[in-house]
N, C-alpha and C. Protein backbone atom coordinates (compact mmCIF):
# COMPACT_ATOMS: atom_id res chain seq x y z
N UNK A 1 -4.57 -12.97 -6.73
CA UNK A 1 -3.48 -13.58 -6.18
C UNK A 1 -2.90 -12.41 -5.07
N UNK A 2 -2.60 -11.25 -5.76
CA UNK A 2 -1.70 -10.39 -5.12
C UNK A 2 -2.49 -9.29 -4.13
N UNK A 3 -3.79 -9.18 -4.84
CA UNK A 3 -4.73 -8.52 -4.07
C UNK A 3 -5.18 -9.10 -2.62
N UNK A 4 -5.05 -10.46 -2.82
CA UNK A 4 -5.61 -11.13 -1.64
C UNK A 4 -4.64 -10.84 -0.27
N UNK A 5 -3.33 -10.67 -0.57
CA UNK A 5 -2.74 -10.35 0.74
C UNK A 5 -2.56 -8.89 1.27
N UNK A 6 -2.76 -7.96 0.21
CA UNK A 6 -2.58 -6.60 0.69
C UNK A 6 -3.40 -6.09 1.78
N UNK A 7 -4.77 -6.38 1.87
CA UNK A 7 -5.29 -6.30 3.23
C UNK A 7 -4.81 -6.63 4.51
N UNK A 8 -4.50 -7.66 4.35
CA UNK A 8 -3.56 -8.32 5.50
C UNK A 8 -2.32 -7.47 5.83
N UNK A 9 -1.71 -7.41 4.83
CA UNK A 9 -0.33 -6.62 5.36
C UNK A 9 -0.56 -5.42 5.60
N UNK A 10 -1.60 -4.57 5.09
CA UNK A 10 -2.06 -3.32 5.28
C UNK A 10 -2.49 -3.17 6.91
N UNK A 11 -3.36 -4.22 7.18
CA UNK A 11 -3.56 -4.22 8.68
C UNK A 11 -2.35 -4.60 9.41
N UNK A 12 -1.58 -5.20 9.24
CA UNK A 12 -0.27 -5.42 9.71
C UNK A 12 0.78 -4.14 10.28
N UNK A 13 0.78 -3.55 9.01
CA UNK A 13 1.56 -2.13 8.98
C UNK A 13 1.00 -0.98 9.99
N UNK A 14 -0.38 -1.06 9.70
CA UNK A 14 -1.09 -0.16 10.70
C UNK A 14 -0.85 -0.30 12.15
N UNK A 15 -1.10 -1.74 12.53
CA UNK A 15 -0.72 -2.33 13.89
C UNK A 15 0.33 -1.87 14.37
N UNK A 16 1.37 -2.30 13.53
CA UNK A 16 2.63 -1.97 13.85
C UNK A 16 3.23 -0.83 13.92
N UNK A 17 2.58 0.06 13.27
CA UNK A 17 2.88 1.69 13.46
C UNK A 17 2.41 2.27 14.59
N UNK A 18 1.02 1.89 14.96
CA UNK A 18 0.04 2.24 15.98
C UNK A 18 1.12 2.07 17.17
N UNK A 19 1.42 0.58 17.37
CA UNK A 19 2.48 0.07 18.40
C UNK A 19 3.41 1.08 18.79
N UNK A 20 4.12 1.24 17.59
CA UNK A 20 5.63 1.89 18.07
C UNK A 20 4.97 3.78 18.32
N UNK A 21 3.94 3.88 17.64
CA UNK A 21 3.49 5.52 18.22
C UNK A 21 3.33 5.46 19.73
N UNK A 22 2.66 4.52 19.98
CA UNK A 22 2.01 4.53 21.61
C UNK A 22 0.99 5.33 21.48
N UNK A 23 0.34 6.08 22.58
CA UNK A 23 -0.82 6.43 22.78
C UNK A 23 -0.85 7.93 21.83
N UNK A 24 0.11 8.49 21.34
CA UNK A 24 0.28 9.60 20.74
C UNK A 24 -0.15 9.44 19.27
N UNK A 25 -1.10 9.65 18.83
CA UNK A 25 -1.67 9.60 17.56
C UNK A 25 -1.45 10.94 16.64
N UNK A 26 -1.25 11.76 17.35
CA UNK A 26 -0.78 13.30 16.85
C UNK A 26 0.35 13.09 15.64
N UNK A 27 1.31 12.18 15.73
CA UNK A 27 2.42 11.93 14.61
C UNK A 27 1.91 11.57 13.49
N UNK A 28 0.81 11.09 13.28
CA UNK A 28 0.67 10.42 12.26
C UNK A 28 -0.92 10.91 11.56
N UNK A 29 -0.94 11.46 10.36
CA UNK A 29 -2.26 11.65 9.98
C UNK A 29 -2.84 10.63 8.78
N UNK A 30 -3.57 9.73 9.20
CA UNK A 30 -3.93 8.46 8.43
C UNK A 30 -4.54 8.76 7.39
N UNK A 31 -5.09 9.85 7.26
CA UNK A 31 -5.84 10.17 5.84
C UNK A 31 -4.57 10.42 4.73
N UNK A 32 -3.55 10.23 5.06
CA UNK A 32 -2.46 10.57 3.95
C UNK A 32 -1.70 9.23 3.73
N UNK A 33 -2.21 8.34 4.51
CA UNK A 33 -1.52 6.74 4.05
C UNK A 33 -2.02 6.43 2.79
N UNK A 34 -3.13 6.58 2.36
CA UNK A 34 -3.68 5.94 1.13
C UNK A 34 -3.17 6.79 -0.18
N UNK A 35 -3.14 8.12 -0.16
CA UNK A 35 -2.15 8.94 -1.36
C UNK A 35 -1.07 8.30 -1.28
N UNK A 36 -0.31 8.12 -0.26
CA UNK A 36 1.30 7.89 -0.15
C UNK A 36 0.80 6.07 -0.64
N UNK A 37 0.05 5.44 -0.69
CA UNK A 37 0.11 4.18 -1.11
C UNK A 37 0.01 4.18 -2.86
N UNK A 38 -0.92 4.97 -3.22
CA UNK A 38 -1.11 5.32 -4.66
C UNK A 38 0.18 6.07 -5.22
N UNK A 39 0.68 6.65 -4.65
CA UNK A 39 2.07 7.21 -5.13
C UNK A 39 3.08 6.01 -5.38
N UNK A 40 3.06 5.47 -4.14
CA UNK A 40 4.08 4.24 -4.46
C UNK A 40 3.95 3.10 -5.34
N UNK A 41 2.42 3.13 -5.44
CA UNK A 41 2.06 2.06 -6.97
C UNK A 41 2.58 2.43 -8.16
N UNK A 42 2.31 4.00 -8.41
CA UNK A 42 2.94 4.54 -9.47
C UNK A 42 4.49 4.21 -9.52
N UNK A 43 5.04 4.63 -8.60
CA UNK A 43 6.46 4.41 -8.56
C UNK A 43 6.89 2.77 -8.98
N UNK A 44 6.17 1.82 -8.36
CA UNK A 44 6.35 0.60 -8.82
C UNK A 44 6.08 0.21 -10.23
N UNK A 45 5.00 0.85 -10.99
CA UNK A 45 4.70 0.90 -12.36
C UNK A 45 6.18 1.51 -13.11
N UNK A 46 6.35 2.34 -12.86
CA UNK A 46 7.56 3.26 -13.55
C UNK A 46 8.78 2.39 -13.53
N UNK A 47 9.37 1.77 -12.08
CA UNK A 47 10.49 1.03 -11.76
C UNK A 47 10.18 -0.29 -12.96
N UNK A 48 8.94 -0.77 -12.69
CA UNK A 48 9.00 -2.34 -13.35
C UNK A 48 9.18 -1.98 -15.12
N UNK A 49 8.52 -0.78 -15.55
CA UNK A 49 8.38 -0.53 -16.91
C UNK A 49 10.14 -0.40 -17.36
N UNK A 50 10.84 0.47 -16.35
CA UNK A 50 12.36 0.79 -16.70
C UNK A 50 13.17 -0.34 -16.57
N UNK A 51 13.09 -1.00 -15.48
CA UNK A 51 14.14 -1.83 -15.03
C UNK A 51 13.49 -3.57 -15.10
N UNK A 52 12.40 -3.67 -14.87
CA UNK A 52 12.08 -4.80 -14.85
C UNK A 52 10.61 -5.55 -15.52
N UNK A 53 10.61 -5.21 -16.91
CA UNK A 53 9.62 -5.45 -17.66
C UNK A 53 8.63 -6.74 -17.51
N UNK A 54 9.32 -7.68 -17.14
CA UNK A 54 9.03 -8.93 -16.90
C UNK A 54 8.08 -8.88 -15.69
N UNK A 55 8.13 -7.91 -14.91
CA UNK A 55 7.58 -8.15 -13.69
C UNK A 55 6.26 -7.15 -13.54
N UNK A 56 6.15 -6.38 -14.58
CA UNK A 56 4.85 -5.47 -14.78
C UNK A 56 3.64 -6.24 -13.96
N UNK A 57 3.46 -7.47 -14.10
CA UNK A 57 2.18 -7.83 -13.51
C UNK A 57 1.95 -7.77 -11.96
N UNK A 58 3.01 -7.64 -11.09
CA UNK A 58 3.21 -7.35 -9.85
C UNK A 58 2.27 -6.09 -9.41
N UNK A 59 2.74 -4.93 -9.93
CA UNK A 59 2.12 -3.70 -9.62
C UNK A 59 0.40 -3.63 -10.25
N UNK A 60 0.50 -4.31 -11.57
CA UNK A 60 -0.68 -4.39 -12.20
C UNK A 60 -1.60 -5.10 -11.54
N UNK A 61 -1.12 -6.29 -10.97
CA UNK A 61 -2.19 -6.93 -10.14
C UNK A 61 -2.37 -6.44 -8.79
N UNK A 62 -1.65 -5.53 -8.17
CA UNK A 62 -1.92 -4.76 -6.94
C UNK A 62 -2.83 -3.91 -7.10
N UNK A 63 -2.64 -3.10 -8.15
CA UNK A 63 -3.62 -2.02 -8.34
C UNK A 63 -5.07 -1.85 -7.91
N UNK A 64 -5.96 -2.98 -8.36
CA UNK A 64 -7.35 -2.87 -7.81
C UNK A 64 -7.28 -2.52 -6.27
N UNK A 65 -6.66 -3.32 -5.66
CA UNK A 65 -6.66 -3.38 -4.33
C UNK A 65 -6.14 -1.97 -3.60
N UNK A 66 -5.04 -1.34 -4.32
CA UNK A 66 -4.33 -0.07 -3.88
C UNK A 66 -5.59 0.93 -3.85
N UNK A 67 -6.16 1.17 -5.02
CA UNK A 67 -7.30 2.11 -5.56
C UNK A 67 -8.59 1.68 -4.43
N UNK A 68 -8.62 0.43 -4.13
CA UNK A 68 -10.01 0.13 -3.45
C UNK A 68 -9.92 0.10 -1.64
N UNK A 69 -8.81 1.11 -1.42
CA UNK A 69 -8.33 1.15 -0.11
C UNK A 69 -9.54 1.06 0.90
N UNK A 70 -10.57 1.95 0.78
CA UNK A 70 -11.57 2.09 1.85
C UNK A 70 -12.50 1.15 1.74
N UNK A 71 -12.53 0.08 0.66
CA UNK A 71 -13.43 -0.81 0.46
C UNK A 71 -12.97 -2.15 1.64
N UNK A 72 -11.84 -2.25 2.15
CA UNK A 72 -11.61 -3.31 2.91
C UNK A 72 -12.33 -3.61 4.14
N UNK A 73 -12.58 -5.18 4.43
CA UNK A 73 -13.84 -5.32 5.21
C UNK A 73 -13.41 -4.87 6.68
């Protein structure tokens, strides 16, 4: 369920940021977006374990989609 909306939201994120940046693409190195997403996913696991153990299924469910970043159609 969770992994189903991740590619759509990722595309919306990229569209919004590109629109905000305008024609100057030098402000963002898109190669860094995936490593940032993986780091954020790790943060979500730690947060869930420490503060919301009953929510561990959320980052757990999202992990495959985050790791399969380049496999999106």
